[in-house]
Protein backbone atom coordinates (compact mmCIF):
# COMPACT_ATOMS: atom_id res chain seq x y z
CA UNK A 1 -81.91 -30.91 -0.65
CA UNK A 2 -78.38 -29.32 -0.67
CA UNK A 3 -76.93 -27.33 2.09
CA UNK A 4 -74.46 -24.81 1.50
CA UNK A 5 -72.17 -23.04 4.10
CA UNK A 6 -72.13 -19.23 3.23
CA UNK A 7 -69.61 -17.17 4.42
CA UNK A 8 -70.19 -13.52 5.21
CA UNK A 9 -68.63 -10.59 6.83
CA UNK A 10 -71.26 -9.06 9.18
CA UNK A 11 -74.04 -9.80 6.56
CA UNK A 12 -72.00 -9.15 3.45
CA UNK A 13 -71.82 -12.35 1.50
CA UNK A 14 -68.37 -13.46 0.28
CA UNK A 15 -68.18 -13.86 -3.54
CA UNK A 16 -66.84 -17.40 -3.25
CA UNK A 17 -69.91 -18.50 -1.38
CA UNK A 18 -72.14 -17.19 -4.30
CA UNK A 19 -69.81 -19.49 -6.59
CA UNK A 20 -70.44 -22.40 -4.17
CA UNK A 21 -74.29 -21.89 -4.55
CA UNK A 22 -73.99 -21.67 -8.09
CA UNK A 23 -71.88 -24.92 -8.09
CA UNK A 24 -74.42 -26.48 -5.86
CA UNK A 25 -77.30 -25.91 -8.32
CA UNK A 26 -75.73 -28.29 -10.70
CA UNK A 27 -77.21 -31.07 -8.50
CA UNK A 28 -80.72 -29.98 -9.72
CA UNK A 29 -82.02 -30.21 -6.08
CA UNK A 30 -83.50 -27.41 -3.60
CA UNK A 31 -80.36 -25.24 -2.23
CA UNK A 32 -80.42 -24.03 1.21
CA UNK A 33 -77.96 -21.82 2.86
CA UNK A 34 -76.80 -21.80 6.47
CA UNK A 35 -75.13 -18.64 7.90
CA UNK A 36 -73.27 -18.27 11.15
CA UNK A 37 -71.75 -15.39 12.97
CA UNK A 38 -72.69 -11.86 13.58
CA UNK A 39 -74.64 -10.10 10.94
CA UNK A 40 -77.29 -7.56 10.32
CA UNK A 41 -80.38 -8.53 8.58
CA UNK A 42 -79.84 -11.74 6.86
CA UNK A 43 -78.93 -11.23 3.02
CA UNK A 44 -82.16 -13.43 2.02
CA UNK A 45 -83.03 -11.55 -1.16
CA UNK A 46 -79.25 -11.79 -2.52
CA UNK A 47 -79.04 -15.24 -1.67
CA UNK A 48 -82.55 -16.13 -3.21
CA UNK A 49 -81.39 -14.41 -6.43
CA UNK A 50 -78.75 -17.14 -6.79
CA UNK A 51 -81.30 -20.09 -6.14
CA UNK A 52 -81.53 -20.23 -2.56
CA UNK A 53 -84.86 -21.48 -1.15
CA UNK A 54 -84.13 -21.32 2.48
CA UNK A 55 -81.74 -19.57 4.69
CA UNK A 56 -80.84 -21.12 7.89
CA UNK A 57 -79.35 -18.42 10.40
CA UNK A 58 -77.70 -20.18 13.34
CA UNK A 59 -78.05 -17.98 16.56
CA UNK A 60 -76.13 -18.31 19.64
CA UNK A 61 -74.83 -15.69 21.92
CA UNK A 62 -71.30 -16.95 21.65
CA UNK A 63 -71.11 -17.22 17.77
CA UNK A 64 -70.46 -13.41 17.26
CA UNK A 65 -67.16 -14.55 15.35
CA UNK A 66 -65.14 -17.57 13.99
CA UNK A 67 -64.68 -20.48 16.15
CA UNK A 68 -63.93 -23.67 13.99
CA UNK A 69 -65.22 -26.29 16.51
CA UNK A 70 -68.39 -24.39 17.43
CA UNK A 71 -69.15 -23.57 13.69
CA UNK A 72 -68.69 -27.35 12.72
CA UNK A 73 -70.65 -28.60 15.73
CA UNK A 74 -73.61 -26.21 14.61
CA UNK A 75 -73.35 -27.43 11.08
CA UNK A 76 -73.51 -31.11 12.42
CA UNK A 77 -76.69 -30.48 14.42
CA UNK A 78 -78.41 -28.68 11.56
CA UNK A 79 -77.63 -31.49 9.11
CA UNK A 80 -79.23 -33.77 11.80
CA UNK A 81 -82.43 -31.49 11.77
CA UNK A 82 -82.53 -30.43 8.06
CA UNK A 83 -81.41 -33.76 6.57
CA UNK A 84 -79.75 -32.72 3.58
CA UNK A 85 -78.50 -35.10 1.00
CA UNK A 86 -75.14 -33.28 0.67
CA UNK A 87 -73.40 -30.38 2.37
CA UNK A 88 -71.13 -28.10 0.47
CA UNK A 89 -68.65 -25.30 1.55
CA UNK A 90 -66.25 -23.24 -0.26
CA UNK A 91 -62.87 -24.57 -0.77
CA UNK A 92 -60.89 -21.88 1.13
CA UNK A 93 -59.14 -22.14 4.43
CA UNK A 94 -62.39 -21.61 6.55
CA UNK A 95 -64.57 -23.74 4.33
CA UNK A 96 -62.16 -26.73 4.37
CA UNK A 97 -61.38 -26.52 8.08
CA UNK A 98 -65.22 -26.21 9.05
CA UNK A 99 -66.05 -29.15 6.57
CA UNK A 100 -63.01 -31.27 7.83
CA UNK A 101 -64.38 -30.95 11.57
CA UNK A 102 -67.83 -31.80 10.38
CA UNK A 103 -66.63 -35.00 8.68
CA UNK A 104 -64.60 -35.95 11.81
CA UNK A 105 -67.50 -35.60 14.06
CA UNK A 106 -69.96 -37.43 11.55
CA UNK A 107 -67.35 -40.22 10.84
CA UNK A 108 -68.05 -39.63 7.08
CA UNK A 109 -65.60 -39.05 4.05
CA UNK A 110 -65.07 -35.71 2.54
CA UNK A 111 -64.02 -34.80 -0.85
CA UNK A 112 -62.06 -31.42 -1.05
CA UNK A 113 -61.57 -28.81 -3.66
CA UNK A 114 -64.01 -30.25 -6.19
CA UNK A 115 -64.60 -28.83 -9.61
CA UNK A 116 -67.23 -31.02 -10.90
CA UNK A 117 -69.91 -33.11 -9.31
CA UNK A 118 -72.40 -35.57 -10.62
CA UNK A 119 -74.89 -37.42 -8.25
CA UNK A 120 -75.74 -40.98 -8.78
CA UNK A 121 -78.06 -43.27 -6.65
CA UNK A 122 -75.53 -44.00 -3.80
CA UNK A 123 -72.56 -42.02 -4.73
CA UNK A 124 -71.43 -38.81 -6.20
CA UNK A 125 -68.85 -38.85 -9.04
CA UNK A 126 -66.54 -35.83 -8.39
CA UNK A 127 -63.44 -34.21 -9.90
CA UNK A 128 -61.24 -32.51 -7.78
CA UNK A 129 -58.18 -30.78 -7.73
CA UNK A 130 -54.69 -32.42 -6.35
CA UNK A 131 -51.08 -31.70 -6.07
CA UNK A 132 -51.36 -28.12 -5.78
CA UNK A 133 -53.44 -27.75 -9.01
CA UNK A 134 -51.21 -29.86 -11.13
CA UNK A 135 -53.63 -33.02 -11.19
CA UNK A 136 -57.33 -33.44 -11.64
CA UNK A 137 -58.51 -36.57 -9.75
CA UNK A 138 -61.94 -38.49 -10.63
CA UNK A 139 -63.39 -40.14 -7.53
CA UNK A 140 -66.40 -41.55 -5.79
CA UNK A 141 -67.89 -40.07 -2.78
CA UNK A 142 -70.10 -42.12 -0.54
CA UNK A 143 -71.50 -41.52 2.95
CA UNK A 144 -75.27 -41.18 4.29
CA UNK A 145 -74.56 -37.28 3.70
CA UNK A 146 -72.11 -36.08 0.92
CA UNK A 147 -69.68 -33.75 2.45
CA UNK A 148 -67.80 -31.69 -0.03
CA UNK A 149 -65.74 -28.15 -0.88
CA UNK A 150 -65.66 -26.47 -3.94
CA UNK A 151 -62.59 -25.45 -5.41
CA UNK A 152 -62.05 -21.63 -5.51
CA UNK A 153 -63.18 -20.22 -8.82
CA UNK A 154 -64.07 -23.43 -10.45
CA UNK A 155 -67.39 -21.69 -11.67
CA UNK A 156 -68.50 -18.25 -11.96
CA UNK A 157 -71.28 -16.95 -9.88
CA UNK A 158 -74.66 -16.90 -11.74
CA UNK A 159 -78.01 -15.91 -10.72
CA UNK A 160 -81.01 -18.13 -10.91
CA UNK A 161 -84.56 -17.67 -12.76
CA UNK A 162 -86.05 -19.35 -9.72
CA UNK A 163 -89.47 -17.85 -8.66
CA UNK A 164 -90.88 -17.56 -5.18
CA UNK A 165 -89.29 -16.27 -2.00
CA UNK A 166 -86.40 -17.71 0.20
CA UNK A 167 -87.72 -18.26 3.73
CA UNK A 168 -85.69 -17.53 6.99
CA UNK A 169 -85.27 -20.47 9.35
CA UNK A 170 -83.75 -19.52 12.70
CA UNK A 171 -81.57 -22.48 14.21
CA UNK A 172 -79.99 -22.54 17.64
CA UNK A 173 -77.49 -25.01 18.35
CA UNK A 174 -76.32 -26.47 21.90
CA UNK A 175 -72.61 -25.76 22.39
CA UNK A 176 -70.41 -26.51 25.10
CA UNK A 177 -67.24 -24.52 26.34
CA UNK A 178 -65.11 -27.03 24.83
CA UNK A 179 -66.30 -25.60 21.35
CA UNK A 180 -64.81 -22.34 21.97
CA UNK A 181 -61.20 -23.07 23.01
CA UNK A 182 -60.14 -21.79 19.57
CA UNK A 183 -61.86 -18.83 18.25
CA UNK A 184 -61.23 -15.34 16.78
CA UNK A 185 -60.72 -12.70 19.58
CA UNK A 186 -59.91 -9.52 17.59
CA UNK A 187 -59.58 -8.37 13.80
CA UNK A 188 -57.29 -6.04 12.24
CA UNK A 189 -59.22 -4.13 9.75
CA UNK A 190 -57.92 -3.32 6.40
CA UNK A 191 -57.25 0.30 5.09
CA UNK A 192 -60.60 2.07 4.26
CA UNK A 193 -61.17 2.08 0.44
CA UNK A 194 -58.50 -0.57 0.12
CA UNK A 195 -59.42 -3.31 -2.65
CA UNK A 196 -58.53 -6.95 -1.38
CA UNK A 197 -56.78 -9.27 -3.59
CA UNK A 198 -59.50 -11.89 -3.96
CA UNK A 199 -61.88 -9.26 -5.05
CA UNK A 200 -59.55 -7.05 -7.23
CA UNK A 201 -60.36 -6.74 -10.92
CA UNK A 202 -56.63 -6.03 -11.87
CA UNK A 203 -53.72 -7.38 -9.83
CA UNK A 204 -50.10 -6.49 -10.44
CA UNK A 205 -47.72 -9.31 -9.32
CA UNK A 206 -44.23 -9.13 -8.37
CA UNK A 207 -41.54 -12.01 -8.09
CA UNK A 208 -37.75 -12.22 -7.25
CA UNK A 209 -37.27 -10.30 -10.47
CA UNK A 210 -38.39 -7.09 -8.92
CA UNK A 211 -35.07 -7.15 -7.15
CA UNK A 212 -35.87 -5.39 -3.94
CA UNK A 213 -38.57 -3.91 -1.68
CA UNK A 214 -38.10 -0.50 -3.32
CA UNK A 215 -38.69 -2.03 -6.89
CA UNK A 216 -42.21 -2.65 -6.07
CA UNK A 217 -42.91 1.25 -6.02
CA UNK A 218 -43.25 1.26 -9.75
CA UNK A 219 -45.69 -1.71 -9.58
CA UNK A 220 -47.63 0.09 -6.78
CA UNK A 221 -47.89 2.90 -9.45
CA UNK A 222 -48.97 0.68 -12.29
CA UNK A 223 -51.50 -0.91 -10.12
CA UNK A 224 -52.98 2.56 -8.83
CA UNK A 225 -53.35 3.65 -12.37
CA UNK A 226 -55.28 0.57 -13.42
CA UNK A 227 -57.50 0.70 -10.13
CA UNK A 228 -55.92 -2.53 -9.00
CA UNK A 229 -53.58 -3.83 -6.17
CA UNK A 230 -50.30 -5.26 -5.90
CA UNK A 231 -49.45 -8.94 -5.06
CA UNK A 232 -46.54 -11.03 -4.72
CA UNK A 233 -44.96 -14.37 -5.05
CA UNK A 234 -44.02 -16.51 -2.01
CA UNK A 235 -40.43 -15.83 -2.36
CA UNK A 236 -41.13 -11.91 -2.17
CA UNK A 237 -42.89 -12.26 1.22
CA UNK A 238 -40.10 -14.76 2.55
CA UNK A 239 -37.60 -12.00 1.75
CA UNK A 240 -39.84 -9.53 3.50
CA UNK A 241 -40.31 -7.43 0.45
CA UNK A 242 -44.05 -7.77 0.79
CA UNK A 243 -46.33 -8.77 3.83
CA UNK A 244 -47.86 -12.23 3.78
CA UNK A 245 -51.30 -10.74 3.13
CA UNK A 246 -50.09 -9.88 -0.37
CA UNK A 247 -48.92 -13.25 -1.53
CA UNK A 248 -50.65 -15.11 -4.25
CA UNK A 249 -50.37 -18.84 -4.33
CA UNK A 250 -51.25 -21.90 -2.71
CA UNK A 251 -50.49 -20.81 0.61
CA UNK A 252 -51.74 -17.21 -0.07
CA UNK A 253 -54.50 -15.59 -1.81
CA UNK A 254 -56.18 -17.23 -4.81
CA UNK A 255 -57.26 -14.61 -7.06
CA UNK A 256 -59.48 -14.34 -10.01
CA UNK A 257 -59.04 -10.91 -11.60
CA UNK A 258 -60.00 -9.68 -15.23
CA UNK A 259 -56.20 -9.12 -15.70
CA UNK A 260 -53.28 -10.32 -13.85
CA UNK A 261 -49.83 -8.94 -14.81
CA UNK A 262 -46.99 -10.95 -13.47
CA UNK A 263 -43.65 -9.11 -13.25
CA UNK A 264 -40.51 -10.97 -12.69
CA UNK A 265 -42.41 -14.04 -11.57
CA UNK A 266 -41.01 -17.47 -12.51
CA UNK A 267 -44.24 -19.24 -12.14
CA UNK A 268 -43.80 -22.18 -9.68
CA UNK A 269 -46.90 -24.62 -9.32
CA UNK A 270 -47.74 -22.99 -6.03
CA UNK A 271 -48.01 -19.60 -7.52
CA UNK A 272 -49.98 -20.78 -10.65
CA UNK A 273 -52.55 -22.38 -8.24
CA UNK A 274 -53.17 -18.95 -7.09
CA UNK A 275 -53.64 -17.11 -10.14
CA UNK A 276 -54.96 -19.45 -12.46
CA UNK A 277 -58.43 -18.05 -11.94
CA UNK A 278 -57.42 -14.86 -13.73
CA UNK A 279 -59.30 -14.29 -16.82
CA UNK A 280 -56.32 -12.86 -18.66
CA UNK A 281 -52.45 -13.06 -17.75
CA UNK A 282 -49.74 -10.64 -19.12
CA UNK A 283 -46.46 -11.72 -18.20
CA UNK A 284 -43.35 -9.53 -18.29
CA UNK A 285 -40.24 -11.49 -17.73
CA UNK A 286 -36.47 -11.53 -18.89
CA UNK A 287 -36.64 -15.29 -19.29
CA UNK A 288 -38.77 -16.57 -22.14
CA UNK A 289 -38.35 -20.00 -20.77
CA UNK A 290 -40.14 -19.04 -17.38
CA UNK A 291 -42.95 -21.72 -16.75
CA UNK A 292 -45.43 -18.81 -16.14
CA UNK A 293 -44.82 -17.67 -19.73
CA UNK A 294 -46.52 -20.85 -21.20
CA UNK A 295 -49.67 -19.93 -19.12
CA UNK A 296 -49.67 -16.32 -20.36
CA UNK A 297 -52.20 -14.98 -22.73
CA UNK A 298 -49.43 -12.14 -23.60
CA UNK A 299 -45.75 -12.13 -22.72
CA UNK A 300 -43.31 -9.22 -22.79
CA UNK A 301 -39.79 -10.42 -22.80
CA UNK A 302 -37.44 -8.03 -21.41
CA UNK A 303 -36.24 -6.15 -18.40
CA UNK A 304 -39.30 -5.38 -16.30
CA UNK A 305 -37.32 -2.31 -14.80
CA UNK A 306 -37.50 -0.65 -18.43
CA UNK A 307 -40.98 -2.10 -19.56
CA UNK A 308 -43.02 -1.38 -16.38
CA UNK A 309 -41.97 2.44 -16.17
CA UNK A 310 -42.67 2.85 -19.91
CA UNK A 311 -46.27 1.35 -19.53
CA UNK A 312 -46.74 3.75 -16.66
CA UNK A 313 -45.53 6.60 -18.63
CA UNK A 314 -47.91 5.82 -21.58
CA UNK A 315 -50.70 5.54 -19.16
CA UNK A 316 -50.02 8.94 -17.82
CA UNK A 317 -49.75 10.40 -21.31
CA UNK A 318 -53.15 9.15 -22.05
CA UNK A 319 -54.51 10.42 -18.89
CA UNK A 320 -55.47 7.03 -17.29
């Protein structure tokens, strides 16, 4: 059996977790999910549609929101009870943190950011992303329980044709005060109706070439016309032109839109890590030798301050 740590926001399953469940099915074993944190009715039907045969709901009065040590200890205790062959989490910040704590508590090795996995008799052969996405490493993962995280957007979420129903199995861990020394105490909710970077179908990204904070106004207009959102490179957030929440890259959001429009972005490897999941990339840049041009499906070489307003005008003329 494979145990998958499923992230959710008060019962709404994170799309990356559905990718992770799809990834876990490659091991051709029963896939079971573990959910921690405040939720309404467990999303059993949705998870079953993706091939989950059981949903372990971790129940504890103090597990309403994220607490890394407490969540990890809950997973450790569930592993001891359920005895899976492997445990997998999404390879985002939270998934990697939880699994790192699990590995330390169980004194087991862990393989992070895997893009492929093949089980053998005593080890798993894994391929994982290293060095900010510039290197793929083949490795062997051992241990009594194989612990790994899946690289973001390594696979697309796909429903399963499995029959039957997923069962719910409540689980109550034993947790001490020490496990709650670090925990989320409050949330700042996004604006109502705002599309997030990781889930947007269209992202318009800006880099140093945008020139100023005010230069993003036309990018905002383009994103609005296309039903998308605006992102930025790390240098843009460092300069204070955009908030850190808008950063696309290794230390920001990792996106997988249908279309990413990169305006004035040079394309350092840290940024490429964040946008390589995009299905199509359109680059608007005055430098034809910018690294991101080599990654683009289409490139327009020229002044973005002339090109982007022209695109906006054309979209408005056609009633977009």
